[in-house]
């Protein structure tokens, strides 16, 4: 039983990590604040807490609703697998064609209030973040029992915490590298492979739930 919980925890961690590493407004904000040393601990903490709240809403709400309905759970799983595949395709295009600009680091010093409001905005008002945490992760958790869904959610939230604190506090060291667009192409390539592997796993499980 304990091994199963750890396995589900790892699945939640991997899925959340695969989604969160994708380039977006939230990650760029966290990275730039870390590179500029503008309250990196505060930024990482705020984004982590916001993600944990959204993941809990998804796992407890969407996941719980779908878990009681195998057909809904299977359809959500297939939709999630398709979403992951498309998201991976976008990352593949970014890796193949480029297009992401390098990180810019300026000396502007925003107020603490501005930093807090921006962190909350890119976390709670970001459609991609809401889709990833509430809908996608919540739907994917419906494959598991109540206890396993908790482990899945904790794993997903742990991935967010590890990523945001690493990104924020490591931003200063990574800033010279991430000024180059080529570095973002490598990151997109890794994101693509991760998401496609997750899509295959989720799609297989969802299809098994829909088969008579």
Protein backbone atom coordinates (compact mmCIF):
# COMPACT_ATOMS: atom_id res chain seq x y z
CA UNK A 1 0.00 0.00 0.00
CA UNK A 2 2.80 2.38 0.91
CA UNK A 3 4.57 1.59 -2.36
CA UNK A 4 1.38 2.44 -4.26
CA UNK A 5 1.11 5.79 -2.45
CA UNK A 6 4.69 6.65 -3.35
CA UNK A 7 4.07 5.63 -6.95
CA UNK A 8 1.01 7.88 -7.19
CA UNK A 9 2.98 10.67 -5.45
CA UNK A 10 5.67 10.28 -8.12
CA UNK A 11 3.07 10.40 -10.90
CA UNK A 12 1.61 13.61 -9.50
CA UNK A 13 5.10 15.07 -9.13
CA UNK A 14 6.08 14.13 -12.70
CA UNK A 15 2.88 15.42 -14.28
CA UNK A 16 2.99 18.71 -12.40
CA UNK A 17 6.69 19.13 -13.19
CA UNK A 18 6.11 18.47 -16.88
CA UNK A 19 3.40 21.12 -17.02
CA UNK A 20 5.00 23.76 -14.84
CA UNK A 21 8.37 23.80 -16.59
CA UNK A 22 6.69 24.99 -19.80
CA UNK A 23 7.57 28.60 -20.55
CA UNK A 24 4.86 31.00 -19.43
CA UNK A 25 4.16 34.31 -17.72
CA UNK A 26 4.43 32.82 -14.23
CA UNK A 27 7.79 31.17 -14.82
CA UNK A 28 9.26 34.21 -16.56
CA UNK A 29 8.18 36.42 -13.66
CA UNK A 30 9.64 34.09 -11.03
CA UNK A 31 12.87 33.75 -12.97
CA UNK A 32 13.34 37.47 -13.56
CA UNK A 33 12.68 38.32 -9.91
CA UNK A 34 15.22 35.71 -8.86
CA UNK A 35 17.78 37.01 -11.34
CA UNK A 36 17.28 40.57 -10.08
CA UNK A 37 17.15 39.47 -6.42
CA UNK A 38 13.79 41.15 -5.95
CA UNK A 39 12.29 39.27 -2.99
CA UNK A 40 12.96 35.78 -4.46
CA UNK A 41 11.84 33.94 -1.31
CA UNK A 42 8.55 35.84 -1.22
CA UNK A 43 7.86 35.32 -4.92
CA UNK A 44 8.56 31.58 -4.71
CA UNK A 45 6.39 31.22 -1.59
CA UNK A 46 3.44 33.07 -3.08
CA UNK A 47 3.49 31.08 -6.33
CA UNK A 48 3.86 27.81 -4.41
CA UNK A 49 0.91 28.55 -2.11
CA UNK A 50 -1.28 29.63 -5.04
CA UNK A 51 -0.46 26.46 -6.97
CA UNK A 52 -1.14 24.30 -3.91
CA UNK A 53 -4.57 25.92 -3.45
CA UNK A 54 -5.47 25.41 -7.12
CA UNK A 55 -4.23 21.81 -7.10
CA UNK A 56 -6.27 21.08 -3.96
CA UNK A 57 -9.35 22.54 -5.64
CA UNK A 58 -8.77 20.39 -8.70
CA UNK A 59 -8.00 17.15 -6.89
CA UNK A 60 -10.73 17.60 -4.29
CA UNK A 61 -13.38 19.02 -6.60
CA UNK A 62 -12.94 17.98 -10.22
CA UNK A 63 -11.12 14.79 -9.25
CA UNK A 64 -13.72 13.79 -6.71
CA UNK A 65 -16.61 14.45 -9.10
CA UNK A 66 -15.04 12.44 -11.92
CA UNK A 67 -13.92 9.58 -9.68
CA UNK A 68 -17.54 8.66 -8.97
CA UNK A 69 -18.27 8.50 -12.70
CA UNK A 70 -15.91 6.16 -14.61
CA UNK A 71 -17.08 7.41 -18.02
CA UNK A 72 -16.46 11.04 -17.06
CA UNK A 73 -13.10 10.06 -15.60
CA UNK A 74 -12.14 8.24 -18.80
CA UNK A 75 -13.22 11.12 -21.02
CA UNK A 76 -11.33 13.60 -18.88
CA UNK A 77 -8.32 11.34 -19.11
CA UNK A 78 -8.48 11.25 -22.91
CA UNK A 79 -8.97 15.01 -23.03
CA UNK A 80 -6.02 15.46 -20.71
CA UNK A 81 -3.85 13.16 -22.83
CA UNK A 82 -4.79 15.16 -25.94
CA UNK A 83 -4.02 18.40 -24.14
CA UNK A 84 -0.64 17.09 -23.04
CA UNK A 85 0.14 15.96 -26.59
CA UNK A 86 -0.78 19.35 -28.04
CA UNK A 87 1.15 21.15 -25.30
CA UNK A 88 4.11 18.93 -26.12
CA UNK A 89 3.75 19.82 -29.81
CA UNK A 90 3.92 23.50 -28.95
CA UNK A 91 7.09 22.87 -26.98
CA UNK A 92 8.48 20.87 -29.92
CA UNK A 93 7.85 23.80 -32.25
CA UNK A 94 9.58 26.11 -29.79
CA UNK A 95 12.58 23.79 -29.65
CA UNK A 96 12.69 23.33 -33.43
CA UNK A 97 11.98 26.87 -34.59
CA UNK A 98 12.94 28.95 -31.59
CA UNK A 99 10.95 32.08 -30.94
CA UNK A 100 11.42 32.50 -27.19
CA UNK A 101 13.42 35.62 -26.43
CA UNK A 102 16.26 35.49 -23.99
CA UNK A 103 15.81 36.67 -20.43
CA UNK A 104 16.33 40.40 -19.96
CA UNK A 105 17.60 41.65 -16.61
CA UNK A 106 17.23 45.33 -15.76
CA UNK A 107 17.87 47.33 -12.63
CA UNK A 108 14.29 48.46 -12.03
CA UNK A 109 13.29 47.97 -8.38
CA UNK A 110 9.53 47.40 -7.96
CA UNK A 111 7.83 47.82 -4.60
CA UNK A 112 6.93 44.85 -2.43
CA UNK A 113 3.26 45.56 -3.10
CA UNK A 114 3.84 45.48 -6.86
CA UNK A 115 5.73 42.20 -6.58
CA UNK A 116 2.99 40.60 -4.47
CA UNK A 117 0.18 41.72 -6.78
CA UNK A 118 2.05 40.56 -9.86
CA UNK A 119 2.83 37.17 -8.30
CA UNK A 120 -0.84 36.69 -7.38
CA UNK A 121 -1.95 37.82 -10.83
CA UNK A 122 0.29 35.47 -12.83
CA UNK A 123 -0.67 32.61 -10.50
CA UNK A 124 -4.42 33.01 -9.97
CA UNK A 125 -5.51 34.93 -13.08
CA UNK A 126 -3.45 32.92 -15.54
CA UNK A 127 -5.75 30.76 -17.74
CA UNK A 128 -2.98 28.26 -18.43
CA UNK A 129 -2.23 27.85 -14.72
CA UNK A 130 -5.93 27.34 -13.94
CA UNK A 131 -6.31 24.79 -16.73
CA UNK A 132 -3.17 22.90 -15.69
CA UNK A 133 -3.88 22.73 -11.96
CA UNK A 134 -7.66 22.67 -11.53
CA UNK A 135 -8.87 20.96 -14.69
CA UNK A 136 -6.02 18.82 -15.96
CA UNK A 137 -4.43 17.66 -12.70
CA UNK A 138 -7.85 17.39 -11.06
CA UNK A 139 -9.15 15.28 -13.91
CA UNK A 140 -6.08 13.06 -13.94
CA UNK A 141 -6.40 12.42 -10.21
CA UNK A 142 -9.85 10.92 -10.73
CA UNK A 143 -8.22 7.61 -11.70
CA UNK A 144 -7.28 7.04 -8.06
CA UNK A 145 -8.99 6.39 -4.76
CA UNK A 146 -9.46 9.19 -2.21
CA UNK A 147 -6.21 8.40 -0.40
CA UNK A 148 -4.29 8.04 -3.65
CA UNK A 149 -5.71 11.35 -4.92
CA UNK A 150 -4.29 12.99 -1.82
CA UNK A 151 -0.87 11.51 -2.57
CA UNK A 152 -1.19 12.65 -6.19
CA UNK A 153 -2.06 16.19 -5.11
CA UNK A 154 0.78 16.34 -2.59
CA UNK A 155 3.18 15.13 -5.27
CA UNK A 156 1.93 17.78 -7.70
CA UNK A 157 2.21 20.55 -5.09
CA UNK A 158 5.69 19.35 -4.11
CA UNK A 159 6.81 19.63 -7.72
CA UNK A 160 5.53 23.22 -7.81
CA UNK A 161 7.40 24.09 -4.62
CA UNK A 162 10.65 22.52 -5.83
CA UNK A 163 10.39 24.25 -9.19
CA UNK A 164 9.49 27.73 -7.96
CA UNK A 165 12.14 27.86 -5.23
CA UNK A 166 14.79 26.44 -7.55
CA UNK A 167 13.82 28.84 -10.31
CA UNK A 168 13.62 31.87 -8.04
CA UNK A 169 16.75 31.29 -6.01
CA UNK A 170 18.76 29.93 -8.91
CA UNK A 171 17.75 32.77 -11.21
CA UNK A 172 20.81 34.81 -10.36
CA UNK A 173 23.15 31.99 -11.39
CA UNK A 174 21.16 31.10 -14.49
CA UNK A 175 20.63 34.67 -15.70
CA UNK A 176 23.74 34.79 -17.97
CA UNK A 177 22.75 31.50 -19.61
CA UNK A 178 19.07 32.35 -20.01
CA UNK A 179 19.83 35.59 -21.80
CA UNK A 180 20.45 33.35 -24.81
CA UNK A 181 17.37 32.16 -26.74
CA UNK A 182 19.17 28.87 -27.47
CA UNK A 183 18.86 27.88 -23.80
CA UNK A 184 15.07 28.19 -24.03
CA UNK A 185 15.06 25.91 -27.07
CA UNK A 186 16.81 23.21 -25.04
CA UNK A 187 14.29 23.67 -22.24
CA UNK A 188 11.41 23.40 -24.72
CA UNK A 189 12.86 20.13 -26.02
CA UNK A 190 12.94 18.62 -22.54
CA UNK A 191 9.38 19.81 -21.87
CA UNK A 192 8.22 18.22 -25.14
CA UNK A 193 9.63 14.80 -24.31
CA UNK A 194 8.20 14.89 -20.78
CA UNK A 195 4.70 15.87 -21.87
CA UNK A 196 4.52 13.30 -24.66
CA UNK A 197 5.57 10.53 -22.30
CA UNK A 198 2.90 11.62 -19.81
CA UNK A 199 0.29 11.82 -22.59
CA UNK A 200 0.99 8.22 -23.61
CA UNK A 201 0.66 6.98 -20.01
CA UNK A 202 -2.52 8.96 -19.26
CA UNK A 203 -4.13 8.05 -22.57
CA UNK A 204 -3.53 4.34 -22.02
CA UNK A 205 -5.12 4.44 -18.57
CA UNK A 206 -8.09 6.50 -19.79
CA UNK A 207 -8.76 4.17 -22.70
CA UNK A 208 -8.73 1.18 -20.34
CA UNK A 209 -11.41 2.89 -18.21
CA UNK A 210 -13.70 3.41 -21.21
CA UNK A 211 -13.41 -0.08 -22.64
CA UNK A 212 -16.35 -2.38 -21.77
